All heavy atoms as atom14 arrays in JSON, in Angstrom:
{
  "sequence": "GDMLAEQAVENGWAGIVMYGCVRDVDVLATLPLGVQALGSHPRKS",
  "atom14_mask": [
    [1, 1, 1, 1, 0, 0, 0, 0, 0, 0, 0, 0, 0, 0],
    [1, 1, 1, 1, 1, 1, 1, 1, 0, 0, 0, 0, 0, 0],
    [1, 1, 1, 1, 1, 1, 1, 1, 0, 0, 0, 0, 0, 0],
    [1, 1, 1, 1, 1, 1, 1, 1, 0, 0, 0, 0, 0, 0],
    [1, 1, 1, 1, 1, 0, 0, 0, 0, 0, 0, 0, 0, 0],
    [1, 1, 1, 1, 1, 1, 1, 1, 1, 0, 0, 0, 0, 0],
    [1, 1, 1, 1, 1, 1, 1, 1, 1, 0, 0, 0, 0, 0],
    [1, 1, 1, 1, 1, 0, 0, 0, 0, 0, 0, 0, 0, 0],
    [1, 1, 1, 1, 1, 1, 1, 0, 0, 0, 0, 0, 0, 0],
    [1, 1, 1, 1, 1, 1, 1, 1, 1, 0, 0, 0, 0, 0],
    [1, 1, 1, 1, 1, 1, 1, 1, 0, 0, 0, 0, 0, 0],
    [1, 1, 1, 1, 0, 0, 0, 0, 0, 0, 0, 0, 0, 0],
    [1, 1, 1, 1, 1, 1, 1, 1, 1, 1, 1, 1, 1, 1],
    [1, 1, 1, 1, 1, 0, 0, 0, 0, 0, 0, 0, 0, 0],
    [1, 1, 1, 1, 0, 0, 0, 0, 0, 0, 0, 0, 0, 0],
    [1, 1, 1, 1, 1, 1, 1, 1, 0, 0, 0, 0, 0, 0],
    [1, 1, 1, 1, 1, 1, 1, 0, 0, 0, 0, 0, 0, 0],
    [1, 1, 1, 1, 1, 1, 1, 1, 0, 0, 0, 0, 0, 0],
    [1, 1, 1, 1, 1, 1, 1, 1, 1, 1, 1, 1, 0, 0],
    [1, 1, 1, 1, 0, 0, 0, 0, 0, 0, 0, 0, 0, 0],
    [1, 1, 1, 1, 1, 1, 0, 0, 0, 0, 0, 0, 0, 0],
    [1, 1, 1, 1, 1, 1, 1, 0, 0, 0, 0, 0, 0, 0],
    [1, 1, 1, 1, 1, 1, 1, 1, 1, 1, 1, 0, 0, 0],
    [1, 1, 1, 1, 1, 1, 1, 1, 0, 0, 0, 0, 0, 0],
    [1, 1, 1, 1, 1, 1, 1, 0, 0, 0, 0, 0, 0, 0],
    [1, 1, 1, 1, 1, 1, 1, 1, 0, 0, 0, 0, 0, 0],
    [1, 1, 1, 1, 1, 1, 1, 0, 0, 0, 0, 0, 0, 0],
    [1, 1, 1, 1, 1, 1, 1, 1, 0, 0, 0, 0, 0, 0],
    [1, 1, 1, 1, 1, 0, 0, 0, 0, 0, 0, 0, 0, 0],
    [1, 1, 1, 1, 1, 1, 1, 0, 0, 0, 0, 0, 0, 0],
    [1, 1, 1, 1, 1, 1, 1, 1, 0, 0, 0, 0, 0, 0],
    [1, 1, 1, 1, 1, 1, 1, 0, 0, 0, 0, 0, 0, 0],
    [1, 1, 1, 1, 1, 1, 1, 1, 0, 0, 0, 0, 0, 0],
    [1, 1, 1, 1, 0, 0, 0, 0, 0, 0, 0, 0, 0, 0],
    [1, 1, 1, 1, 1, 1, 1, 0, 0, 0, 0, 0, 0, 0],
    [1, 1, 1, 1, 1, 1, 1, 1, 1, 0, 0, 0, 0, 0],
    [1, 1, 1, 1, 1, 0, 0, 0, 0, 0, 0, 0, 0, 0],
    [1, 1, 1, 1, 1, 1, 1, 1, 0, 0, 0, 0, 0, 0],
    [1, 1, 1, 1, 0, 0, 0, 0, 0, 0, 0, 0, 0, 0],
    [1, 1, 1, 1, 1, 1, 0, 0, 0, 0, 0, 0, 0, 0],
    [1, 1, 1, 1, 1, 1, 1, 1, 1, 1, 0, 0, 0, 0],
    [1, 1, 1, 1, 1, 1, 1, 0, 0, 0, 0, 0, 0, 0],
    [1, 1, 1, 1, 1, 1, 1, 1, 1, 1, 1, 0, 0, 0],
    [1, 1, 1, 1, 1, 1, 1, 1, 1, 0, 0, 0, 0, 0],
    [1, 1, 1, 1, 1, 1, 0, 0, 0, 0, 0, 0, 0, 0]
  ],
  "atom14_positions": [
    [[0.84, -1.19, 0.0], [0.01, 0.0, 0.0], [0.84, 1.25, 0.03], [2.09, 1.14, -0.15], [0.0, 0.0, 0.0], [0.0, 0.0, 0.0], [0.0, 0.0, 0.0], [0.0, 0.0, 0.0], [0.0, 0.0, 0.0], [0.0, 0.0, 0.0], [0.0, 0.0, 0.0], [0.0, 0.0, 0.0], [0.0, 0.0, 0.0], [0.0, 0.0, 0.0]],
    [[0.2, 2.38, 0.23], [0.89, 3.64, 0.09], [2.05, 3.83, 1.13], [3.14, 4.25, 0.76], [-0.06, 4.87, 0.22], [-0.82, 4.88, 1.53], [-0.83, 3.92, 2.3], [-1.48, 5.91, 1.81], [0.0, 0.0, 0.0], [0.0, 0.0, 0.0], [0.0, 0.0, 0.0], [0.0, 0.0, 0.0], [0.0, 0.0, 0.0], [0.0, 0.0, 0.0]],
    [[1.89, 3.36, 2.34], [2.93, 3.57, 3.37], [4.21, 2.8, 3.02], [5.3, 3.31, 3.13], [2.45, 3.27, 4.74], [1.34, 4.24, 5.23], [0.86, 4.11, 6.93], [0.15, 2.44, 6.93], [0.0, 0.0, 0.0], [0.0, 0.0, 0.0], [0.0, 0.0, 0.0], [0.0, 0.0, 0.0], [0.0, 0.0, 0.0], [0.0, 0.0, 0.0]],
    [[4.08, 1.53, 2.6], [5.23, 0.7, 2.28], [5.86, 1.22, 0.94], [7.08, 1.21, 0.84], [4.87, -0.74, 2.16], [4.43, -1.43, 3.47], [4.18, -2.91, 3.27], [5.4, -1.19, 4.59], [0.0, 0.0, 0.0], [0.0, 0.0, 0.0], [0.0, 0.0, 0.0], [0.0, 0.0, 0.0], [0.0, 0.0, 0.0], [0.0, 0.0, 0.0]],
    [[5.01, 1.68, 0.05], [5.54, 2.17, -1.24], [6.38, 3.47, -0.95], [7.42, 3.65, -1.52], [4.46, 2.41, -2.21], [0.0, 0.0, 0.0], [0.0, 0.0, 0.0], [0.0, 0.0, 0.0], [0.0, 0.0, 0.0], [0.0, 0.0, 0.0], [0.0, 0.0, 0.0], [0.0, 0.0, 0.0], [0.0, 0.0, 0.0], [0.0, 0.0, 0.0]],
    [[5.86, 4.31, -0.07], [6.58, 5.55, 0.24], [7.89, 5.24, 0.89], [8.94, 5.83, 0.67], [5.7, 6.43, 1.16], [4.58, 7.1, 0.41], [3.53, 7.76, 1.32], [3.58, 7.6, 2.53], [2.65, 8.43, 0.72], [0.0, 0.0, 0.0], [0.0, 0.0, 0.0], [0.0, 0.0, 0.0], [0.0, 0.0, 0.0], [0.0, 0.0, 0.0]],
    [[7.93, 4.2, 1.76], [9.17, 3.81, 2.4], [10.14, 3.21, 1.37], [11.34, 3.48, 1.42], [8.86, 2.71, 3.48], [10.05, 2.48, 4.37], [9.66, 1.75, 5.6], [8.66, 1.0, 5.71], [10.49, 1.89, 6.67], [0.0, 0.0, 0.0], [0.0, 0.0, 0.0], [0.0, 0.0, 0.0], [0.0, 0.0, 0.0], [0.0, 0.0, 0.0]],
    [[9.61, 2.51, 0.37], [10.49, 2.03, -0.69], [11.14, 3.12, -1.44], [12.31, 3.06, -1.78], [9.67, 1.15, -1.67], [0.0, 0.0, 0.0], [0.0, 0.0, 0.0], [0.0, 0.0, 0.0], [0.0, 0.0, 0.0], [0.0, 0.0, 0.0], [0.0, 0.0, 0.0], [0.0, 0.0, 0.0], [0.0, 0.0, 0.0], [0.0, 0.0, 0.0]],
    [[10.42, 4.19, -1.71], [10.93, 5.39, -2.38], [12.03, 5.97, -1.56], [13.14, 6.31, -2.06], [9.82, 6.41, -2.7], [10.46, 7.7, -3.16], [8.9, 5.85, -3.74], [0.0, 0.0, 0.0], [0.0, 0.0, 0.0], [0.0, 0.0, 0.0], [0.0, 0.0, 0.0], [0.0, 0.0, 0.0], [0.0, 0.0, 0.0], [0.0, 0.0, 0.0]],
    [[11.74, 6.17, -0.24], [12.74, 6.82, 0.64], [14.01, 6.02, 0.72], [15.07, 6.57, 0.89], [12.1, 6.91, 2.04], [11.04, 7.93, 2.17], [10.29, 7.9, 3.49], [10.76, 7.24, 4.46], [9.16, 8.47, 3.62], [0.0, 0.0, 0.0], [0.0, 0.0, 0.0], [0.0, 0.0, 0.0], [0.0, 0.0, 0.0], [0.0, 0.0, 0.0]],
    [[13.91, 4.73, 0.54], [15.09, 3.81, 0.67], [15.72, 3.45, -0.61], [16.56, 2.53, -0.62], [14.76, 2.6, 1.57], [14.54, 2.99, 3.01], [15.31, 3.84, 3.55], [13.52, 2.51, 3.65], [0.0, 0.0, 0.0], [0.0, 0.0, 0.0], [0.0, 0.0, 0.0], [0.0, 0.0, 0.0], [0.0, 0.0, 0.0], [0.0, 0.0, 0.0]],
    [[15.31, 4.08, -1.69], [16.03, 3.89, -2.96], [15.67, 2.63, -3.78], [16.47, 2.21, -4.59], [0.0, 0.0, 0.0], [0.0, 0.0, 0.0], [0.0, 0.0, 0.0], [0.0, 0.0, 0.0], [0.0, 0.0, 0.0], [0.0, 0.0, 0.0], [0.0, 0.0, 0.0], [0.0, 0.0, 0.0], [0.0, 0.0, 0.0], [0.0, 0.0, 0.0]],
    [[14.5, 2.15, -3.64], [14.09, 1.02, -4.49], [13.6, 1.54, -5.85], [13.01, 2.61, -5.9], [12.94, 0.25, -3.88], [13.35, -0.55, -2.63], [13.46, -0.1, -1.37], [13.83, -1.92, -2.59], [13.9, -1.07, -0.54], [14.14, -2.24, -1.29], [13.98, -2.88, -3.59], [14.62, -3.43, -0.91], [14.46, -4.11, -3.18], [14.76, -4.37, -1.85]],
    [[13.97, 0.86, -6.9], [13.5, 1.28, -8.25], [12.06, 0.9, -8.53], [11.33, 1.54, -9.21], [14.45, 0.68, -9.36], [0.0, 0.0, 0.0], [0.0, 0.0, 0.0], [0.0, 0.0, 0.0], [0.0, 0.0, 0.0], [0.0, 0.0, 0.0], [0.0, 0.0, 0.0], [0.0, 0.0, 0.0], [0.0, 0.0, 0.0], [0.0, 0.0, 0.0]],
    [[11.7, -0.28, -8.04], [10.37, -0.78, -8.22], [9.97, -2.01, -7.49], [10.84, -2.63, -6.82], [0.0, 0.0, 0.0], [0.0, 0.0, 0.0], [0.0, 0.0, 0.0], [0.0, 0.0, 0.0], [0.0, 0.0, 0.0], [0.0, 0.0, 0.0], [0.0, 0.0, 0.0], [0.0, 0.0, 0.0], [0.0, 0.0, 0.0], [0.0, 0.0, 0.0]],
    [[8.74, -2.39, -7.59], [8.17, -3.56, -6.99], [7.27, -4.24, -7.94], [6.39, -3.64, -8.5], [7.39, -3.21, -5.65], [8.34, -2.55, -4.64], [6.71, -4.47, -5.08], [7.65, -1.97, -3.44], [0.0, 0.0, 0.0], [0.0, 0.0, 0.0], [0.0, 0.0, 0.0], [0.0, 0.0, 0.0], [0.0, 0.0, 0.0], [0.0, 0.0, 0.0]],
    [[7.52, -5.55, -8.13], [6.59, -6.39, -9.0], [5.91, -7.3, -8.0], [6.57, -8.12, -7.32], [7.36, -7.12, -10.07], [6.41, -8.08, -10.79], [7.96, -6.1, -11.06], [0.0, 0.0, 0.0], [0.0, 0.0, 0.0], [0.0, 0.0, 0.0], [0.0, 0.0, 0.0], [0.0, 0.0, 0.0], [0.0, 0.0, 0.0], [0.0, 0.0, 0.0]],
    [[4.58, -7.27, -7.97], [3.83, -8.0, -6.99], [2.91, -9.02, -7.7], [1.95, -8.62, -8.45], [2.94, -7.0, -6.19], [2.08, -7.61, -5.15], [3.05, -8.39, -3.82], [3.82, -6.92, -3.05], [0.0, 0.0, 0.0], [0.0, 0.0, 0.0], [0.0, 0.0, 0.0], [0.0, 0.0, 0.0], [0.0, 0.0, 0.0], [0.0, 0.0, 0.0]],
    [[3.23, -10.27, -7.58], [2.38, -11.32, -8.1], [1.23, -11.52, -7.05], [1.22, -12.48, -6.28], [3.18, -12.65, -8.32], [2.38, -13.75, -8.98], [1.77, -13.52, -10.18], [2.28, -14.93, -8.38], [1.04, -14.58, -10.79], [1.54, -15.99, -8.97], [0.96, -15.8, -10.19], [0.16, -16.79, -10.73], [0.0, 0.0, 0.0], [0.0, 0.0, 0.0]],
    [[0.41, -10.53, -7.0], [-0.64, -10.36, -6.08], [-1.22, -8.99, -6.26], [-1.07, -8.38, -7.29], [0.0, 0.0, 0.0], [0.0, 0.0, 0.0], [0.0, 0.0, 0.0], [0.0, 0.0, 0.0], [0.0, 0.0, 0.0], [0.0, 0.0, 0.0], [0.0, 0.0, 0.0], [0.0, 0.0, 0.0], [0.0, 0.0, 0.0], [0.0, 0.0, 0.0]],
    [[-1.89, -8.52, -5.21], [-2.59, -7.21, -5.28], [-1.94, -6.15, -4.5], [-1.17, -6.38, -3.54], [-4.0, -7.36, -4.82], [-4.99, -8.43, -5.88], [0.0, 0.0, 0.0], [0.0, 0.0, 0.0], [0.0, 0.0, 0.0], [0.0, 0.0, 0.0], [0.0, 0.0, 0.0], [0.0, 0.0, 0.0], [0.0, 0.0, 0.0], [0.0, 0.0, 0.0]],
    [[-2.2, -4.88, -4.84], [-1.82, -3.71, -4.16], [-3.02, -2.82, -3.82], [-4.16, -3.15, -4.28], [-0.78, -2.86, -5.04], [0.46, -3.64, -5.26], [-1.44, -2.38, -6.28], [0.0, 0.0, 0.0], [0.0, 0.0, 0.0], [0.0, 0.0, 0.0], [0.0, 0.0, 0.0], [0.0, 0.0, 0.0], [0.0, 0.0, 0.0], [0.0, 0.0, 0.0]],
    [[-2.85, -1.82, -3.01], [-3.97, -0.94, -2.65], [-3.45, 0.48, -2.61], [-2.25, 0.74, -2.83], [-4.64, -1.31, -1.36], [-3.8, -1.14, -0.07], [-4.55, -1.7, 1.06], [-4.1, -1.16, 2.33], [-4.77, -1.15, 3.47], [-5.95, -1.71, 3.51], [-4.22, -0.66, 4.55], [0.0, 0.0, 0.0], [0.0, 0.0, 0.0], [0.0, 0.0, 0.0]],
    [[-4.35, 1.44, -2.29], [-4.01, 2.87, -2.31], [-3.42, 3.28, -3.63], [-2.49, 4.0, -3.79], [-2.99, 3.18, -1.21], [-3.46, 2.77, 0.14], [-4.59, 3.08, 0.58], [-2.65, 2.14, 0.91], [0.0, 0.0, 0.0], [0.0, 0.0, 0.0], [0.0, 0.0, 0.0], [0.0, 0.0, 0.0], [0.0, 0.0, 0.0], [0.0, 0.0, 0.0]],
    [[-4.12, 2.78, -4.68], [-3.56, 2.94, -6.07], [-3.45, 4.38, -6.5], [-2.55, 4.78, -7.28], [-4.37, 2.13, -7.08], [-4.22, 0.63, -6.74], [-5.82, 2.51, -7.17], [0.0, 0.0, 0.0], [0.0, 0.0, 0.0], [0.0, 0.0, 0.0], [0.0, 0.0, 0.0], [0.0, 0.0, 0.0], [0.0, 0.0, 0.0], [0.0, 0.0, 0.0]],
    [[-4.33, 5.29, -6.02], [-4.2, 6.68, -6.39], [-2.94, 7.33, -5.86], [-2.31, 8.11, -6.56], [-5.43, 7.51, -5.91], [-6.73, 7.01, -6.6], [-6.65, 6.58, -7.8], [-7.77, 7.1, -5.96], [0.0, 0.0, 0.0], [0.0, 0.0, 0.0], [0.0, 0.0, 0.0], [0.0, 0.0, 0.0], [0.0, 0.0, 0.0], [0.0, 0.0, 0.0]],
    [[-2.54, 6.92, -4.67], [-1.27, 7.41, -4.15], [-0.06, 6.76, -4.86], [0.9, 7.39, -5.21], [-1.18, 7.16, -2.63], [0.22, 7.55, -2.04], [-2.28, 7.96, -1.91], [0.0, 0.0, 0.0], [0.0, 0.0, 0.0], [0.0, 0.0, 0.0], [0.0, 0.0, 0.0], [0.0, 0.0, 0.0], [0.0, 0.0, 0.0], [0.0, 0.0, 0.0]],
    [[-0.18, 5.44, -5.0], [0.92, 4.75, -5.8], [1.25, 5.42, -7.11], [2.39, 5.52, -7.51], [0.55, 3.26, -5.99], [0.4, 2.34, -4.81], [0.13, 0.97, -5.25], [1.6, 2.43, -3.87], [0.0, 0.0, 0.0], [0.0, 0.0, 0.0], [0.0, 0.0, 0.0], [0.0, 0.0, 0.0], [0.0, 0.0, 0.0], [0.0, 0.0, 0.0]],
    [[0.2, 5.88, -7.81], [0.41, 6.49, -9.11], [1.17, 7.79, -9.04], [1.68, 8.27, -10.07], [-0.95, 6.72, -9.78], [0.0, 0.0, 0.0], [0.0, 0.0, 0.0], [0.0, 0.0, 0.0], [0.0, 0.0, 0.0], [0.0, 0.0, 0.0], [0.0, 0.0, 0.0], [0.0, 0.0, 0.0], [0.0, 0.0, 0.0], [0.0, 0.0, 0.0]],
    [[1.28, 8.41, -7.89], [1.96, 9.69, -7.71], [3.44, 9.54, -7.26], [4.17, 10.49, -7.27], [1.28, 10.58, -6.69], [1.46, 10.0, -5.41], [-0.19, 10.78, -7.07], [0.0, 0.0, 0.0], [0.0, 0.0, 0.0], [0.0, 0.0, 0.0], [0.0, 0.0, 0.0], [0.0, 0.0, 0.0], [0.0, 0.0, 0.0], [0.0, 0.0, 0.0]],
    [[3.83, 8.29, -6.94], [5.18, 8.11, -6.35], [6.18, 7.79, -7.49], [5.88, 7.08, -8.44], [5.11, 6.9, -5.36], [4.24, 7.11, -4.13], [4.22, 5.88, -3.25], [4.7, 8.32, -3.29], [0.0, 0.0, 0.0], [0.0, 0.0, 0.0], [0.0, 0.0, 0.0], [0.0, 0.0, 0.0], [0.0, 0.0, 0.0], [0.0, 0.0, 0.0]],
    [[7.41, 8.23, -7.23], [8.51, 7.9, -8.26], [9.05, 6.47, -8.01], [10.22, 6.26, -7.63], [9.55, 8.96, -7.92], [9.38, 9.29, -6.47], [7.89, 9.15, -6.2], [0.0, 0.0, 0.0], [0.0, 0.0, 0.0], [0.0, 0.0, 0.0], [0.0, 0.0, 0.0], [0.0, 0.0, 0.0], [0.0, 0.0, 0.0], [0.0, 0.0, 0.0]],
    [[8.16, 5.54, -8.23], [8.44, 4.08, -8.0], [7.64, 3.32, -9.01], [6.5, 3.56, -9.31], [7.9, 3.71, -6.57], [8.15, 2.26, -6.14], [9.64, 2.02, -5.88], [7.37, 1.98, -4.86], [0.0, 0.0, 0.0], [0.0, 0.0, 0.0], [0.0, 0.0, 0.0], [0.0, 0.0, 0.0], [0.0, 0.0, 0.0], [0.0, 0.0, 0.0]],
    [[8.36, 2.34, -9.64], [7.74, 1.4, -10.52], [6.93, 0.4, -9.7], [7.45, -0.19, -8.72], [0.0, 0.0, 0.0], [0.0, 0.0, 0.0], [0.0, 0.0, 0.0], [0.0, 0.0, 0.0], [0.0, 0.0, 0.0], [0.0, 0.0, 0.0], [0.0, 0.0, 0.0], [0.0, 0.0, 0.0], [0.0, 0.0, 0.0], [0.0, 0.0, 0.0]],
    [[5.64, 0.17, -9.95], [4.86, -0.78, -9.27], [4.0, -1.52, -10.34], [3.2, -0.9, -10.97], [3.94, -0.21, -8.24], [3.05, -1.28, -7.55], [4.76, 0.58, -7.12], [0.0, 0.0, 0.0], [0.0, 0.0, 0.0], [0.0, 0.0, 0.0], [0.0, 0.0, 0.0], [0.0, 0.0, 0.0], [0.0, 0.0, 0.0], [0.0, 0.0, 0.0]],
    [[4.2, -2.84, -10.43], [3.31, -3.65, -11.28], [2.77, -4.73, -10.46], [3.47, -5.31, -9.59], [4.12, -4.2, -12.47], [4.55, -3.08, -13.45], [4.5, -3.46, -14.86], [3.95, -4.52, -15.25], [5.09, -2.64, -15.72], [0.0, 0.0, 0.0], [0.0, 0.0, 0.0], [0.0, 0.0, 0.0], [0.0, 0.0, 0.0], [0.0, 0.0, 0.0]],
    [[1.49, -5.01, -10.63], [0.75, -6.04, -9.85], [-0.36, -6.6, -10.67], [-0.66, -6.08, -11.72], [0.23, -5.38, -8.56], [0.0, 0.0, 0.0], [0.0, 0.0, 0.0], [0.0, 0.0, 0.0], [0.0, 0.0, 0.0], [0.0, 0.0, 0.0], [0.0, 0.0, 0.0], [0.0, 0.0, 0.0], [0.0, 0.0, 0.0], [0.0, 0.0, 0.0]],
    [[-0.94, -7.67, -10.11], [-2.09, -8.3, -10.81], [-3.37, -7.5, -10.77], [-4.17, -7.55, -11.64], [-2.3, -9.66, -10.22], [-1.18, -10.7, -10.33], [-1.6, -12.03, -9.76], [-0.79, -10.86, -11.82], [0.0, 0.0, 0.0], [0.0, 0.0, 0.0], [0.0, 0.0, 0.0], [0.0, 0.0, 0.0], [0.0, 0.0, 0.0], [0.0, 0.0, 0.0]],
    [[-3.51, -6.73, -9.66], [-4.74, -5.93, -9.49], [-4.71, -5.19, -8.2], [-3.67, -5.16, -7.5], [0.0, 0.0, 0.0], [0.0, 0.0, 0.0], [0.0, 0.0, 0.0], [0.0, 0.0, 0.0], [0.0, 0.0, 0.0], [0.0, 0.0, 0.0], [0.0, 0.0, 0.0], [0.0, 0.0, 0.0], [0.0, 0.0, 0.0], [0.0, 0.0, 0.0]],
    [[-5.8, -4.59, -7.88], [-5.92, -3.85, -6.59], [-6.98, -4.55, -5.75], [-7.91, -5.11, -6.21], [-6.26, -2.39, -6.86], [-7.55, -2.24, -7.5], [0.0, 0.0, 0.0], [0.0, 0.0, 0.0], [0.0, 0.0, 0.0], [0.0, 0.0, 0.0], [0.0, 0.0, 0.0], [0.0, 0.0, 0.0], [0.0, 0.0, 0.0], [0.0, 0.0, 0.0]],
    [[-6.78, -4.33, -4.44], [-7.75, -4.82, -3.46], [-7.71, -3.94, -2.19], [-6.61, -3.63, -1.76], [-7.33, -6.28, -3.07], [-8.43, -7.07, -2.37], [-8.86, -6.76, -1.08], [-9.21, -8.09, -2.76], [-9.79, -7.55, -0.75], [-10.02, -8.39, -1.74], [0.0, 0.0, 0.0], [0.0, 0.0, 0.0], [0.0, 0.0, 0.0], [0.0, 0.0, 0.0]],
    [[-8.8, -3.59, -1.62], [-8.78, -2.62, -0.5], [-8.35, -3.24, 0.85], [-7.9, -2.49, 1.74], [-10.2, -2.11, -0.47], [-11.06, -3.18, -1.05], [-10.15, -3.86, -2.11], [0.0, 0.0, 0.0], [0.0, 0.0, 0.0], [0.0, 0.0, 0.0], [0.0, 0.0, 0.0], [0.0, 0.0, 0.0], [0.0, 0.0, 0.0], [0.0, 0.0, 0.0]],
    [[-8.4, -4.53, 0.99], [-8.12, -5.18, 2.29], [-6.58, -5.34, 2.46], [-5.92, -5.78, 1.55], [-8.81, -6.53, 2.4], [-8.53, -7.21, 3.73], [-9.41, -8.46, 3.94], [-10.74, -7.96, 4.22], [-11.88, -8.42, 3.56], [-11.74, -9.25, 2.57], [-13.01, -7.94, 3.9], [0.0, 0.0, 0.0], [0.0, 0.0, 0.0], [0.0, 0.0, 0.0]],
    [[-6.08, -5.04, 3.69], [-4.69, -5.24, 3.92], [-4.42, -6.73, 4.28], [-5.33, -7.51, 4.59], [-4.2, -4.35, 5.08], [-4.8, -4.72, 6.42], [-4.33, -3.73, 7.46], [-4.87, -4.08, 8.82], [-4.42, -3.18, 9.9], [0.0, 0.0, 0.0], [0.0, 0.0, 0.0], [0.0, 0.0, 0.0], [0.0, 0.0, 0.0], [0.0, 0.0, 0.0]],
    [[-3.15, -7.08, 4.15], [-2.8, -8.49, 4.44], [-2.62, -8.73, 5.91], [-2.62, -7.77, 6.77], [-1.47, -8.78, 3.76], [-0.37, -8.26, 4.45], [0.0, 0.0, 0.0], [0.0, 0.0, 0.0], [0.0, 0.0, 0.0], [0.0, 0.0, 0.0], [0.0, 0.0, 0.0], [0.0, 0.0, 0.0], [0.0, 0.0, 0.0], [0.0, 0.0, 0.0]]
  ]
}
């Protein structure tokens, strides 16, 4: 989600490929991070 993605940006990750789902997609789209996933889901893990 957005908090972990923001942390990835802060720590210098280029991207995340998730064979699963992500959430907070409107925020993810604003971050300087590559994120590819199968889909979105609102429930956290």
